[in-house]
Amino acid sequence: MKELINIIVQKTGISQENAQKAVQVTLGFLKTKLPAPLAGQLDSFLSAGTSSGVNPVAVGAKA
């Protein structure tokens, strides 16, 4: 998740603290909208970072 926060800071220029809040709010929203099995995997997916071979920031990203 730190990688995602750092990318948000770099691309937007907001503070580390505000980027972290933005990620937490977004995760909370996604967890309420996704089916339970997927919602439960969000935290582990983001904490895995690139060690899983998948960059969570690049998945579906167009920025």
Protein backbone atom coordinates (compact mmCIF):
# COMPACT_ATOMS: atom_id res chain seq x y z
CA MET A 1 0.00 0.00 0.00
CA LYS A 2 2.95 2.30 0.60
CA GLU A 3 3.79 2.12 -3.10
CA LEU A 4 0.27 3.29 -3.98
CA ILE A 5 0.49 6.14 -1.46
CA ASN A 6 3.87 7.22 -2.84
CA ILE A 7 2.55 7.25 -6.40
CA ILE A 8 -0.43 9.36 -5.34
CA VAL A 9 1.93 11.82 -3.63
CA GLN A 10 4.11 12.02 -6.74
CA LYS A 11 1.28 12.42 -9.23
CA THR A 12 -0.87 14.84 -7.23
CA GLY A 13 1.57 16.71 -5.02
CA ILE A 14 -0.59 16.18 -1.93
CA SER A 15 0.96 15.31 1.41
CA GLN A 16 1.77 11.74 2.45
CA GLU A 17 -0.88 11.99 5.18
CA ASN A 18 -3.59 13.12 2.76
CA ALA A 19 -2.64 10.44 0.24
CA GLN A 20 -2.92 7.81 2.97
CA LYS A 21 -6.36 9.12 3.93
CA ALA A 22 -7.43 9.03 0.28
CA VAL A 23 -6.34 5.40 -0.04
CA GLN A 24 -8.14 4.43 3.16
CA VAL A 25 -11.35 6.15 2.07
CA THR A 26 -11.17 4.52 -1.36
CA LEU A 27 -10.57 1.07 0.13
CA GLY A 28 -13.47 1.54 2.52
CA PHE A 29 -15.73 2.49 -0.37
CA LEU A 30 -14.62 -0.43 -2.52
CA LYS A 31 -15.16 -2.86 0.35
CA THR A 32 -18.79 -1.75 0.61
CA LYS A 33 -19.42 -2.09 -3.12
CA LEU A 34 -17.57 -5.28 -4.02
CA PRO A 35 -18.86 -8.79 -3.33
CA ALA A 36 -17.63 -10.06 0.04
CA PRO A 37 -15.05 -12.52 -1.34
CA LEU A 38 -13.36 -9.78 -3.36
CA ALA A 39 -13.66 -7.14 -0.67
CA GLY A 40 -11.89 -9.42 1.77
CA GLN A 41 -8.91 -9.73 -0.57
CA LEU A 42 -8.27 -6.00 -1.07
CA ASP A 43 -5.98 -5.56 1.92
CA SER A 44 -3.87 -8.59 1.11
CA PHE A 45 -3.67 -7.57 -2.55
CA LEU A 46 -2.36 -4.11 -1.71
CA SER A 47 -0.03 -5.31 1.03
CA ALA A 48 1.48 -7.82 -1.40
CA GLY A 49 2.57 -4.97 -3.68
CA THR A 50 4.78 -6.11 -6.51
CA SER A 51 5.85 -9.33 -4.77
CA SER A 52 2.82 -11.03 -6.35
CA GLY A 53 4.06 -10.00 -9.77
CA VAL A 54 1.11 -7.66 -10.21
CA ASN A 55 1.46 -3.93 -9.75
CA PRO A 56 -1.76 -2.87 -7.98
CA VAL A 57 -1.40 0.65 -9.35
CA ALA A 58 -1.16 -0.53 -12.96
CA VAL A 59 -4.22 -2.77 -12.82
CA GLY A 60 -6.83 -0.87 -14.77
CA ALA A 61 -4.90 2.38 -14.48
CA LYS A 62 -4.95 4.86 -17.34
CA ALA A 63 -3.21 7.77 -15.59
